[in-house]
Full PDB file with SEQRES, HELIX, SHEET, SSBOND, CRYST1, ORIGX, SCALE, CONECT and MASTER records, all heavy atoms in Angstrom:
SEQRES   1 A   38  TYR SER VAL PHE ASP LEU ARG ASP TYR GLY VAL TYR ASP          
SEQRES   2 A   38  GLY MET TYR ALA CYS LEU THR ILE PRO LYS ILE ASP LEU          
SEQRES   3 A   38  ARG LEU PRO VAL TYR LEU GLY ALA ASP ASN SER ILE              
HELIX    1 AA1 LEU A    6  TYR A    9  5                                   4    
HELIX    2 AA2 PRO A   22  ILE A   24  5                                   3    
SHEET    1 AA1 2 MET A  15  ILE A  21  0                                        
SHEET    2 AA1 2 LEU A  26  TYR A  31 -1                                        
CRYST1    1.000    1.000    1.000  90.00  90.00  90.00 P 1           1          
ORIGX1      1.000000  0.000000  0.000000        0.00000                         
ORIGX2      0.000000  1.000000  0.000000        0.00000                         
ORIGX3      0.000000  0.000000  1.000000        0.00000                         
SCALE1      1.000000  0.000000  0.000000        0.00000                         
SCALE2      0.000000  1.000000  0.000000        0.00000                         
SCALE3      0.000000  0.000000  1.000000        0.00000                         
ATOM      1  N   TYR A   1       0.824  -1.198   0.000  1.00  0.00           N  
ATOM      2  CA  TYR A   1       0.000   0.000   0.000  1.00  0.00           C  
ATOM      3  C   TYR A   1       0.868   1.262   0.000  1.00  0.00           C  
ATOM      4  O   TYR A   1       1.992   1.256   0.489  1.00  0.00           O  
ATOM      5  CB  TYR A   1      -0.919   0.039   1.228  1.00  0.00           C  
ATOM      6  CG  TYR A   1      -2.058  -0.961   1.201  1.00  0.00           C  
ATOM      7  CD1 TYR A   1      -2.207  -1.874   0.167  1.00  0.00           C  
ATOM      8  CD2 TYR A   1      -2.984  -0.990   2.232  1.00  0.00           C  
ATOM      9  CE1 TYR A   1      -3.247  -2.784   0.159  1.00  0.00           C  
ATOM     10  CE2 TYR A   1      -4.033  -1.902   2.240  1.00  0.00           C  
ATOM     11  CZ  TYR A   1      -4.158  -2.795   1.188  1.00  0.00           C  
ATOM     12  OH  TYR A   1      -5.188  -3.697   1.199  1.00  0.00           O  
ATOM     13  N   SER A   2       0.306   2.335  -0.516  1.00  0.00           N  
ATOM     14  CA  SER A   2       0.972   3.635  -0.486  1.00  0.00           C  
ATOM     15  C   SER A   2       0.411   4.468   0.667  1.00  0.00           C  
ATOM     16  O   SER A   2      -0.808   4.538   0.851  1.00  0.00           O  
ATOM     17  CB  SER A   2       0.757   4.357  -1.817  1.00  0.00           C  
ATOM     18  OG  SER A   2       1.287   5.661  -1.775  1.00  0.00           O  
ATOM     19  N   VAL A   3       1.298   5.079   1.433  1.00  0.00           N  
ATOM     20  CA  VAL A   3       0.851   5.896   2.571  1.00  0.00           C  
ATOM     21  C   VAL A   3      -0.023   7.053   2.095  1.00  0.00           C  
ATOM     22  O   VAL A   3      -1.079   7.339   2.666  1.00  0.00           O  
ATOM     23  CB  VAL A   3       2.060   6.452   3.353  1.00  0.00           C  
ATOM     24  CG1 VAL A   3       1.591   7.360   4.485  1.00  0.00           C  
ATOM     25  CG2 VAL A   3       2.910   5.320   3.905  1.00  0.00           C  
ATOM     26  N   PHE A   4       0.400   7.709   1.029  1.00  0.00           N  
ATOM     27  CA  PHE A   4      -0.344   8.835   0.460  1.00  0.00           C  
ATOM     28  C   PHE A   4      -0.439   8.681  -1.050  1.00  0.00           C  
ATOM     29  O   PHE A   4       0.388   8.007  -1.667  1.00  0.00           O  
ATOM     30  CB  PHE A   4       0.356  10.173   0.745  1.00  0.00           C  
ATOM     31  CG  PHE A   4       0.636  10.456   2.195  1.00  0.00           C  
ATOM     32  CD1 PHE A   4       1.936  10.647   2.638  1.00  0.00           C  
ATOM     33  CD2 PHE A   4      -0.394  10.554   3.115  1.00  0.00           C  
ATOM     34  CE1 PHE A   4       2.211  10.917   3.959  1.00  0.00           C  
ATOM     35  CE2 PHE A   4      -0.127  10.817   4.450  1.00  0.00           C  
ATOM     36  CZ  PHE A   4       1.174  11.001   4.875  1.00  0.00           C  
ATOM     37  N   ASP A   5      -1.424   9.337  -1.624  1.00  0.00           N  
ATOM     38  CA  ASP A   5      -1.442   9.568  -3.061  1.00  0.00           C  
ATOM     39  C   ASP A   5      -0.749  10.912  -3.270  1.00  0.00           C  
ATOM     40  O   ASP A   5      -1.321  11.968  -2.979  1.00  0.00           O  
ATOM     41  CB  ASP A   5      -2.868   9.605  -3.593  1.00  0.00           C  
ATOM     42  CG  ASP A   5      -2.923   9.739  -5.114  1.00  0.00           C  
ATOM     43  OD1 ASP A   5      -1.905  10.150  -5.714  1.00  0.00           O  
ATOM     44  OD2 ASP A   5      -3.979   9.451  -5.699  1.00  0.00           O  
ATOM     45  N   LEU A   6       0.488  10.871  -3.732  1.00  0.00           N  
ATOM     46  CA  LEU A   6       1.286  12.096  -3.804  1.00  0.00           C  
ATOM     47  C   LEU A   6       0.710  13.120  -4.775  1.00  0.00           C  
ATOM     48  O   LEU A   6       1.070  14.307  -4.709  1.00  0.00           O  
ATOM     49  CB  LEU A   6       2.730  11.755  -4.188  1.00  0.00           C  
ATOM     50  CG  LEU A   6       3.533  11.016  -3.112  1.00  0.00           C  
ATOM     51  CD1 LEU A   6       4.950  10.735  -3.607  1.00  0.00           C  
ATOM     52  CD2 LEU A   6       3.586  11.821  -1.817  1.00  0.00           C  
ATOM     53  N   ARG A   7      -0.189  12.695  -5.646  1.00  0.00           N  
ATOM     54  CA  ARG A   7      -0.827  13.664  -6.542  1.00  0.00           C  
ATOM     55  C   ARG A   7      -1.658  14.665  -5.752  1.00  0.00           C  
ATOM     56  O   ARG A   7      -1.868  15.803  -6.206  1.00  0.00           O  
ATOM     57  CB  ARG A   7      -1.689  12.931  -7.567  1.00  0.00           C  
ATOM     58  CG  ARG A   7      -0.892  12.085  -8.561  1.00  0.00           C  
ATOM     59  CD  ARG A   7      -1.799  11.254  -9.436  1.00  0.00           C  
ATOM     60  NE  ARG A   7      -2.532  10.270  -8.639  1.00  0.00           N  
ATOM     61  CZ  ARG A   7      -3.356   9.362  -9.143  1.00  0.00           C  
ATOM     62  NH1 ARG A   7      -3.538   9.315 -10.457  1.00  0.00           N  
ATOM     63  NH2 ARG A   7      -3.984   8.506  -8.362  1.00  0.00           N  
ATOM     64  N   ASP A   8      -2.125  14.262  -4.573  1.00  0.00           N  
ATOM     65  CA  ASP A   8      -2.882  15.190  -3.721  1.00  0.00           C  
ATOM     66  C   ASP A   8      -1.997  16.310  -3.193  1.00  0.00           C  
ATOM     67  O   ASP A   8      -2.502  17.308  -2.666  1.00  0.00           O  
ATOM     68  CB  ASP A   8      -3.495  14.436  -2.538  1.00  0.00           C  
ATOM     69  CG  ASP A   8      -4.558  13.432  -2.974  1.00  0.00           C  
ATOM     70  OD1 ASP A   8      -5.119  13.604  -4.075  1.00  0.00           O  
ATOM     71  OD2 ASP A   8      -4.809  12.474  -2.214  1.00  0.00           O  
ATOM     72  N   TYR A   9      -0.684  16.140  -3.311  1.00  0.00           N  
ATOM     73  CA  TYR A   9       0.270  17.145  -2.834  1.00  0.00           C  
ATOM     74  C   TYR A   9       1.061  17.757  -3.999  1.00  0.00           C  
ATOM     75  O   TYR A   9       2.111  18.361  -3.783  1.00  0.00           O  
ATOM     76  CB  TYR A   9       1.242  16.509  -1.833  1.00  0.00           C  
ATOM     77  CG  TYR A   9       0.552  15.884  -0.641  1.00  0.00           C  
ATOM     78  CD1 TYR A   9       0.130  14.556  -0.694  1.00  0.00           C  
ATOM     79  CD2 TYR A   9       0.304  16.610   0.523  1.00  0.00           C  
ATOM     80  CE1 TYR A   9      -0.512  13.963   0.382  1.00  0.00           C  
ATOM     81  CE2 TYR A   9      -0.340  16.030   1.606  1.00  0.00           C  
ATOM     82  CZ  TYR A   9      -0.748  14.701   1.535  1.00  0.00           C  
ATOM     83  OH  TYR A   9      -1.387  14.122   2.617  1.00  0.00           O  
ATOM     84  N   GLY A  10       0.548  17.606  -5.197  1.00  0.00           N  
ATOM     85  CA  GLY A  10       1.198  18.207  -6.354  1.00  0.00           C  
ATOM     86  C   GLY A  10       2.460  17.508  -6.805  1.00  0.00           C  
ATOM     87  O   GLY A  10       3.256  18.080  -7.550  1.00  0.00           O  
ATOM     88  N   VAL A  11       2.654  16.255  -6.381  1.00  0.00           N  
ATOM     89  CA  VAL A  11       3.823  15.474  -6.802  1.00  0.00           C  
ATOM     90  C   VAL A  11       3.316  14.405  -7.761  1.00  0.00           C  
ATOM     91  O   VAL A  11       2.773  13.390  -7.338  1.00  0.00           O  
ATOM     92  CB  VAL A  11       4.543  14.833  -5.603  1.00  0.00           C  
ATOM     93  CG1 VAL A  11       5.734  14.007  -6.074  1.00  0.00           C  
ATOM     94  CG2 VAL A  11       4.992  15.895  -4.611  1.00  0.00           C  
ATOM     95  N   TYR A  12       3.494  14.642  -9.055  1.00  0.00           N  
ATOM     96  CA  TYR A  12       2.844  13.788 -10.054  1.00  0.00           C  
ATOM     97  C   TYR A  12       3.752  12.686 -10.592  1.00  0.00           C  
ATOM     98  O   TYR A  12       3.274  11.788 -11.290  1.00  0.00           O  
ATOM     99  CB  TYR A  12       2.323  14.655 -11.201  1.00  0.00           C  
ATOM    100  CG  TYR A  12       1.277  15.640 -10.742  1.00  0.00           C  
ATOM    101  CD1 TYR A  12       1.603  16.971 -10.520  1.00  0.00           C  
ATOM    102  CD2 TYR A  12      -0.020  15.220 -10.482  1.00  0.00           C  
ATOM    103  CE1 TYR A  12       0.650  17.867 -10.071  1.00  0.00           C  
ATOM    104  CE2 TYR A  12      -0.984  16.115 -10.032  1.00  0.00           C  
ATOM    105  CZ  TYR A  12      -0.639  17.435  -9.826  1.00  0.00           C  
ATOM    106  OH  TYR A  12      -1.580  18.309  -9.365  1.00  0.00           O  
ATOM    107  N   ASP A  13       5.038  12.736 -10.286  1.00  0.00           N  
ATOM    108  CA  ASP A  13       5.929  11.665 -10.751  1.00  0.00           C  
ATOM    109  C   ASP A  13       6.089  10.560  -9.709  1.00  0.00           C  
ATOM    110  O   ASP A  13       6.784   9.567  -9.943  1.00  0.00           O  
ATOM    111  CB  ASP A  13       7.301  12.206 -11.149  1.00  0.00           C  
ATOM    112  CG  ASP A  13       8.010  12.937 -10.008  1.00  0.00           C  
ATOM    113  OD1 ASP A  13       7.569  12.819  -8.853  1.00  0.00           O  
ATOM    114  OD2 ASP A  13       9.000  13.633 -10.287  1.00  0.00           O  
ATOM    115  N   GLY A  14       5.446  10.722  -8.546  1.00  0.00           N  
ATOM    116  CA  GLY A  14       5.437   9.670  -7.540  1.00  0.00           C  
ATOM    117  C   GLY A  14       6.668   9.576  -6.662  1.00  0.00           C  
ATOM    118  O   GLY A  14       6.707   8.758  -5.743  1.00  0.00           O  
ATOM    119  N   MET A  15       7.679  10.410  -6.887  1.00  0.00           N  
ATOM    120  CA  MET A  15       8.917  10.303  -6.107  1.00  0.00           C  
ATOM    121  C   MET A  15       8.787  11.027  -4.767  1.00  0.00           C  
ATOM    122  O   MET A  15       8.543  12.232  -4.732  1.00  0.00           O  
ATOM    123  CB  MET A  15      10.099  10.863  -6.905  1.00  0.00           C  
ATOM    124  CG  MET A  15      10.600   9.946  -7.985  1.00  0.00           C  
ATOM    125  SD  MET A  15      12.177  10.491  -8.704  1.00  0.00           S  
ATOM    126  CE  MET A  15      11.602  11.838  -9.740  1.00  0.00           C  
ATOM    127  N   TYR A  16       8.980  10.270  -3.699  1.00  0.00           N  
ATOM    128  CA  TYR A  16       8.976  10.867  -2.354  1.00  0.00           C  
ATOM    129  C   TYR A  16      10.389  11.244  -1.936  1.00  0.00           C  
ATOM    130  O   TYR A  16      10.583  12.198  -1.175  1.00  0.00           O  
ATOM    131  CB  TYR A  16       8.393   9.873  -1.350  1.00  0.00           C  
ATOM    132  CG  TYR A  16       8.187  10.439   0.037  1.00  0.00           C  
ATOM    133  CD1 TYR A  16       6.973  11.017   0.388  1.00  0.00           C  
ATOM    134  CD2 TYR A  16       9.202  10.400   0.994  1.00  0.00           C  
ATOM    135  CE1 TYR A  16       6.782  11.545   1.667  1.00  0.00           C  
ATOM    136  CE2 TYR A  16       9.021  10.920   2.258  1.00  0.00           C  
ATOM    137  CZ  TYR A  16       7.809  11.500   2.599  1.00  0.00           C  
ATOM    138  OH  TYR A  16       7.625  12.026   3.853  1.00  0.00           O  
ATOM    139  N   ALA A  17      11.370  10.512  -2.421  1.00  0.00           N  
ATOM    140  CA  ALA A  17      12.760  10.734  -2.021  1.00  0.00           C  
ATOM    141  C   ALA A  17      13.672  10.047  -3.033  1.00  0.00           C  
ATOM    142  O   ALA A  17      13.213   9.435  -4.004  1.00  0.00           O  
ATOM    143  CB  ALA A  17      13.009  10.185  -0.613  1.00  0.00           C  
ATOM    144  N   CYS A  18      14.985  10.163  -2.799  1.00  0.00           N  
ATOM    145  CA  CYS A  18      15.977   9.431  -3.577  1.00  0.00           C  
ATOM    146  C   CYS A  18      16.964   8.775  -2.613  1.00  0.00           C  
ATOM    147  O   CYS A  18      17.303   9.349  -1.584  1.00  0.00           O  
ATOM    148  CB  CYS A  18      16.728  10.356  -4.533  1.00  0.00           C  
ATOM    149  SG  CYS A  18      15.881  10.611  -6.099  1.00  0.00           S  
ATOM    150  N   LEU A  19      17.396   7.583  -2.985  1.00  0.00           N  
ATOM    151  CA  LEU A  19      18.362   6.824  -2.187  1.00  0.00           C  
ATOM    152  C   LEU A  19      19.702   6.836  -2.910  1.00  0.00           C  
ATOM    153  O   LEU A  19      19.777   6.534  -4.099  1.00  0.00           O  
ATOM    154  CB  LEU A  19      17.872   5.389  -2.007  1.00  0.00           C  
ATOM    155  CG  LEU A  19      18.798   4.427  -1.267  1.00  0.00           C  
ATOM    156  CD1 LEU A  19      18.859   4.793   0.214  1.00  0.00           C  
ATOM    157  CD2 LEU A  19      18.314   2.987  -1.432  1.00  0.00           C  
ATOM    158  N   THR A  20      20.760   7.171  -2.172  1.00  0.00           N  
ATOM    159  CA  THR A  20      22.103   7.214  -2.743  1.00  0.00           C  
ATOM    160  C   THR A  20      23.042   6.397  -1.865  1.00  0.00           C  
ATOM    161  O   THR A  20      23.064   6.562  -0.645  1.00  0.00           O  
ATOM    162  CB  THR A  20      22.627   8.656  -2.839  1.00  0.00           C  
ATOM    163  OG1 THR A  20      21.746   9.422  -3.656  1.00  0.00           O  
ATOM    164  CG2 THR A  20      24.024   8.692  -3.452  1.00  0.00           C  
ATOM    165  N   ILE A  21      23.805   5.495  -2.483  1.00  0.00           N  
ATOM    166  CA  ILE A  21      24.813   4.706  -1.763  1.00  0.00           C  
ATOM    167  C   ILE A  21      26.118   4.816  -2.545  1.00  0.00           C  
ATOM    168  O   ILE A  21      26.310   4.104  -3.544  1.00  0.00           O  
ATOM    169  CB  ILE A  21      24.401   3.232  -1.602  1.00  0.00           C  
ATOM    170  CG1 ILE A  21      22.996   3.137  -0.994  1.00  0.00           C  
ATOM    171  CG2 ILE A  21      25.404   2.498  -0.726  1.00  0.00           C  
ATOM    172  CD1 ILE A  21      22.489   1.710  -0.824  1.00  0.00           C  
ATOM    173  N   PRO A  22      27.016   5.701  -2.134  1.00  0.00           N  
ATOM    174  CA  PRO A  22      28.236   5.956  -2.917  1.00  0.00           C  
ATOM    175  C   PRO A  22      29.086   4.721  -3.184  1.00  0.00           C  
ATOM    176  O   PRO A  22      29.607   4.554  -4.286  1.00  0.00           O  
ATOM    177  CB  PRO A  22      28.984   6.985  -2.056  1.00  0.00           C  
ATOM    178  CG  PRO A  22      27.918   7.660  -1.256  1.00  0.00           C  
ATOM    179  CD  PRO A  22      26.908   6.600  -0.973  1.00  0.00           C  
ATOM    180  N   LYS A  23      29.230   3.830  -2.211  1.00  0.00           N  
ATOM    181  CA  LYS A  23      30.142   2.693  -2.363  1.00  0.00           C  
ATOM    182  C   LYS A  23      29.785   1.818  -3.555  1.00  0.00           C  
ATOM    183  O   LYS A  23      30.670   1.292  -4.251  1.00  0.00           O  
ATOM    184  CB  LYS A  23      30.160   1.848  -1.086  1.00  0.00           C  
ATOM    185  CG  LYS A  23      31.099   0.643  -1.184  1.00  0.00           C  
ATOM    186  CD  LYS A  23      31.122  -0.165   0.097  1.00  0.00           C  
ATOM    187  CE  LYS A  23      32.049  -1.375  -0.020  1.00  0.00           C  
ATOM    188  NZ  LYS A  23      32.104  -2.164   1.228  1.00  0.00           N  
ATOM    189  N   ILE A  24      28.495   1.637  -3.819  1.00  0.00           N  
ATOM    190  CA  ILE A  24      28.078   0.761  -4.915  1.00  0.00           C  
ATOM    191  C   ILE A  24      27.492   1.567  -6.079  1.00  0.00           C  
ATOM    192  O   ILE A  24      26.820   1.005  -6.956  1.00  0.00           O  
ATOM    193  CB  ILE A  24      27.069  -0.306  -4.427  1.00  0.00           C  
ATOM    194  CG1 ILE A  24      25.846   0.349  -3.777  1.00  0.00           C  
ATOM    195  CG2 ILE A  24      27.749  -1.269  -3.465  1.00  0.00           C  
ATOM    196  CD1 ILE A  24      24.764  -0.658  -3.373  1.00  0.00           C  
ATOM    197  N   ASP A  25      27.736   2.877  -6.084  1.00  0.00           N  
ATOM    198  CA  ASP A  25      27.317   3.752  -7.189  1.00  0.00           C  
ATOM    199  C   ASP A  25      25.823   3.609  -7.465  1.00  0.00           C  
ATOM    200  O   ASP A  25      25.393   3.442  -8.604  1.00  0.00           O  
ATOM    201  CB  ASP A  25      28.125   3.436  -8.455  1.00  0.00           C  
ATOM    202  CG  ASP A  25      27.941   4.502  -9.537  1.00  0.00           C  
ATOM    203  OD1 ASP A  25      27.624   5.652  -9.190  1.00  0.00           O  
ATOM    204  OD2 ASP A  25      28.111   4.167 -10.738  1.00  0.00           O  
ATOM    205  N   LEU A  26      25.045   3.676  -6.406  1.00  0.00           N  
ATOM    206  CA  LEU A  26      23.601   3.510  -6.521  1.00  0.00           C  
ATOM    207  C   LEU A  26      22.890   4.831  -6.309  1.00  0.00           C  
ATOM    208  O   LEU A  26      23.145   5.541  -5.334  1.00  0.00           O  
ATOM    209  CB  LEU A  26      23.111   2.466  -5.502  1.00  0.00           C  
ATOM    210  CG  LEU A  26      21.619   2.144  -5.481  1.00  0.00           C  
ATOM    211  CD1 LEU A  26      21.403   0.679  -5.102  1.00  0.00           C  
ATOM    212  CD2 LEU A  26      20.867   3.035  -4.493  1.00  0.00           C  
ATOM    213  N   ARG A  27      22.001   5.166  -7.236  1.00  0.00           N  
ATOM    214  CA  ARG A  27      21.109   6.321  -7.109  1.00  0.00           C  
ATOM    215  C   ARG A  27      19.754   5.881  -7.628  1.00  0.00           C  
ATOM    216  O   ARG A  27      19.605   5.567  -8.808  1.00  0.00           O  
ATOM    217  CB  ARG A  27      21.623   7.515  -7.915  1.00  0.00           C  
ATOM    218  CG  ARG A  27      22.966   8.060  -7.471  1.00  0.00           C  
ATOM    219  CD  ARG A  27      23.378   9.231  -8.347  1.00  0.00           C  
ATOM    220  NE  ARG A  27      22.580  10.413  -8.081  1.00  0.00           N  
ATOM    221  CZ  ARG A  27      22.523  11.474  -8.899  1.00  0.00           C  
ATOM    222  NH1 ARG A  27      23.170  11.458 -10.054  1.00  0.00           N  
ATOM    223  NH2 ARG A  27      21.803  12.524  -8.586  1.00  0.00           N  
ATOM    224  N   LEU A  28      18.765   5.838  -6.739  1.00  0.00           N  
ATOM    225  CA  LEU A  28      17.462   5.323  -7.124  1.00  0.00           C  
ATOM    226  C   LEU A  28      16.336   6.175  -6.545  1.00  0.00           C  
ATOM    227  O   LEU A  28      16.423   6.645  -5.409  1.00  0.00           O  
ATOM    228  CB  LEU A  28      17.296   3.879  -6.628  1.00  0.00           C  
ATOM    229  CG  LEU A  28      18.097   2.793  -7.335  1.00  0.00           C  
ATOM    230  CD1 LEU A  28      17.996   1.483  -6.561  1.00  0.00           C  
ATOM    231  CD2 LEU A  28      17.602   2.599  -8.755  1.00  0.00           C  
ATOM    232  N   PRO A  29      15.254   6.352  -7.315  1.00  0.00           N  
ATOM    233  CA  PRO A  29      14.082   7.035  -6.777  1.00  0.00           C  
ATOM    234  C   PRO A  29      13.365   6.156  -5.764  1.00  0.00           C  
ATOM    235  O   PRO A  29      13.379   4.919  -5.872  1.00  0.00           O  
ATOM    236  CB  PRO A  29      13.208   7.265  -8.014  1.00  0.00           C  
ATOM    237  CG  PRO A  29      13.614   6.196  -8.970  1.00  0.00           C  
ATOM    238  CD  PRO A  29      15.075   5.959  -8.722  1.00  0.00           C  
ATOM    239  N   VAL A  30      12.751   6.782  -4.773  1.00  0.00           N  
ATOM    240  CA  VAL A  30      11.982   6.073  -3.745  1.00  0.00           C  
ATOM    241  C   VAL A  30      10.512   6.428  -3.926  1.00  0.00           C  
ATOM    242  O   VAL A  30      10.137   7.610  -3.918  1.00  0.00           O  
ATOM    243  CB  VAL A  30      12.447   6.463  -2.331  1.00  0.00           C  
ATOM    244  CG1 VAL A  30      11.545   5.823  -1.269  1.00  0.00           C  
ATOM    245  CG2 VAL A  30      13.904   6.056  -2.118  1.00  0.00           C  
ATOM    246  N   TYR A  31       9.684   5.392  -4.101  1.00  0.00           N  
ATOM    247  CA  TYR A  31       8.248   5.560  -4.271  1.00  0.00           C  
ATOM    248  C   TYR A  31       7.514   5.011  -3.052  1.00  0.00           C  
ATOM    249  O   TYR A  31       8.053   4.190  -2.303  1.00  0.00           O  
ATOM    250  CB  TYR A  31       7.770   4.833  -5.534  1.00  0.00           C  
ATOM    251  CG  TYR A  31       8.437   5.304  -6.799  1.00  0.00           C  
ATOM    252  CD1 TYR A  31       9.486   4.586  -7.368  1.00  0.00           C  
ATOM    253  CD2 TYR A  31       8.031   6.478  -7.423  1.00  0.00           C  
ATOM    254  CE1 TYR A  31      10.100   5.020  -8.537  1.00  0.00           C  
ATOM    255  CE2 TYR A  31       8.642   6.920  -8.592  1.00  0.00           C  
ATOM    256  CZ  TYR A  31       9.678   6.192  -9.139  1.00  0.00           C  
ATOM    257  OH  TYR A  31      10.289   6.619 -10.290  1.00  0.00           O  
ATOM    258  N   LEU A  32       6.281   5.448  -2.855  1.00  0.00           N  
ATOM    259  CA  LEU A  32       5.481   4.977  -1.726  1.00  0.00           C  
ATOM    260  C   LEU A  32       4.719   3.723  -2.123  1.00  0.00           C  
ATOM    261  O   LEU A  32       3.981   3.718  -3.111  1.00  0.00           O  
ATOM    262  CB  LEU A  32       4.507   6.064  -1.266  1.00  0.00           C  
ATOM    263  CG  LEU A  32       5.140   7.369  -0.773  1.00  0.00           C  
ATOM    264  CD1 LEU A  32       4.063   8.320  -0.249  1.00  0.00           C  
ATOM    265  CD2 LEU A  32       6.181   7.104   0.306  1.00  0.00           C  
ATOM    266  N   GLY A  33       4.901   2.661  -1.349  1.00  0.00           N  
ATOM    267  CA  GLY A  33       4.280   1.389  -1.656  1.00  0.00           C  
ATOM    268  C   GLY A  33       5.284   0.450  -2.283  1.00  0.00           C  
ATOM    269  O   GLY A  33       6.223   0.878  -2.954  1.00  0.00           O  
ATOM    270  N   ALA A  34       5.098  -0.844  -2.063  1.00  0.00           N  
ATOM    271  CA  ALA A  34       6.069  -1.823  -2.554  1.00  0.00           C  
ATOM    272  C   ALA A  34       5.399  -2.867  -3.431  1.00  0.00           C  
ATOM    273  O   ALA A  34       5.701  -4.055  -3.335  1.00  0.00           O  
ATOM    274  CB  ALA A  34       6.779  -2.490  -1.374  1.00  0.00           C  
ATOM    275  N   ASP A  35       4.467  -2.441  -4.301  1.00  0.00           N  
ATOM    276  CA  ASP A  35       3.892  -3.403  -5.238  1.00  0.00           C  
ATOM    277  C   ASP A  35       4.740  -3.465  -6.502  1.00  0.00           C  
ATOM    278  O   ASP A  35       5.607  -2.628  -6.743  1.00  0.00           O  
ATOM    279  CB  ASP A  35       2.425  -3.083  -5.545  1.00  0.00           C  
ATOM    280  CG  ASP A  35       2.244  -1.767  -6.293  1.00  0.00           C  
ATOM    281  OD1 ASP A  35       3.225  -1.274  -6.890  1.00  0.00           O  
ATOM    282  OD2 ASP A  35       1.114  -1.243  -6.298  1.00  0.00           O  
ATOM    283  N   ASN A  36       4.493  -4.467  -7.322  1.00  0.00           N  
ATOM    284  CA  ASN A  36       5.346  -4.710  -8.488  1.00  0.00           C  
ATOM    285  C   ASN A  36       5.298  -3.580  -9.501  1.00  0.00           C  
ATOM    286  O   ASN A  36       6.294  -3.293 -10.176  1.00  0.00           O  
ATOM    287  CB  ASN A  36       4.951  -6.032  -9.155  1.00  0.00           C  
ATOM    288  CG  ASN A  36       5.415  -7.232  -8.361  1.00  0.00           C  
ATOM    289  OD1 ASN A  36       6.451  -7.178  -7.714  1.00  0.00           O  
ATOM    290  ND2 ASN A  36       4.656  -8.315  -8.400  1.00  0.00           N  
ATOM    291  N   SER A  37       4.156  -2.923  -9.628  1.00  0.00           N  
ATOM    292  CA  SER A  37       4.050  -1.848 -10.604  1.00  0.00           C  
ATOM    293  C   SER A  37       4.957  -0.676 -10.248  1.00  0.00           C  
ATOM    294  O   SER A  37       5.397   0.068 -11.123  1.00  0.00           O  
ATOM    295  CB  SER A  37       2.595  -1.368 -10.702  1.00  0.00           C  
ATOM    296  OG  SER A  37       2.164  -0.794  -9.481  1.00  0.00           O  
ATOM    297  N   ILE A  38       5.242  -0.515  -8.955  1.00  0.00           N  
ATOM    298  CA  ILE A  38       6.132   0.554  -8.492  1.00  0.00           C  
ATOM    299  C   ILE A  38       7.580   0.091  -8.522  1.00  0.00           C  
ATOM    300  O   ILE A  38       8.466   0.809  -9.002  1.00  0.00           O  
ATOM    301  CB  ILE A  38       5.736   0.982  -7.061  1.00  0.00           C  
ATOM    302  CG1 ILE A  38       4.425   1.770  -7.086  1.00  0.00           C  
ATOM    303  CG2 ILE A  38       6.844   1.824  -6.415  1.00  0.00           C  
ATOM    304  CD1 ILE A  38       3.903   2.126  -5.719  1.00  0.00           C  
TER     305      ILE A  38                                                      
MASTER        0    0    0    2    2    0    0    6  304    1    0    3          
END                                                                             
């Protein structure tokens, strides 16, 4: 499940945050909810 529908807050691309891990050169968007479509 998603905690919020971010469109209600003017965030239409669904990104709540970004995760960065320098050691493994990782930069990924963070979305709300953990279903396969996300």
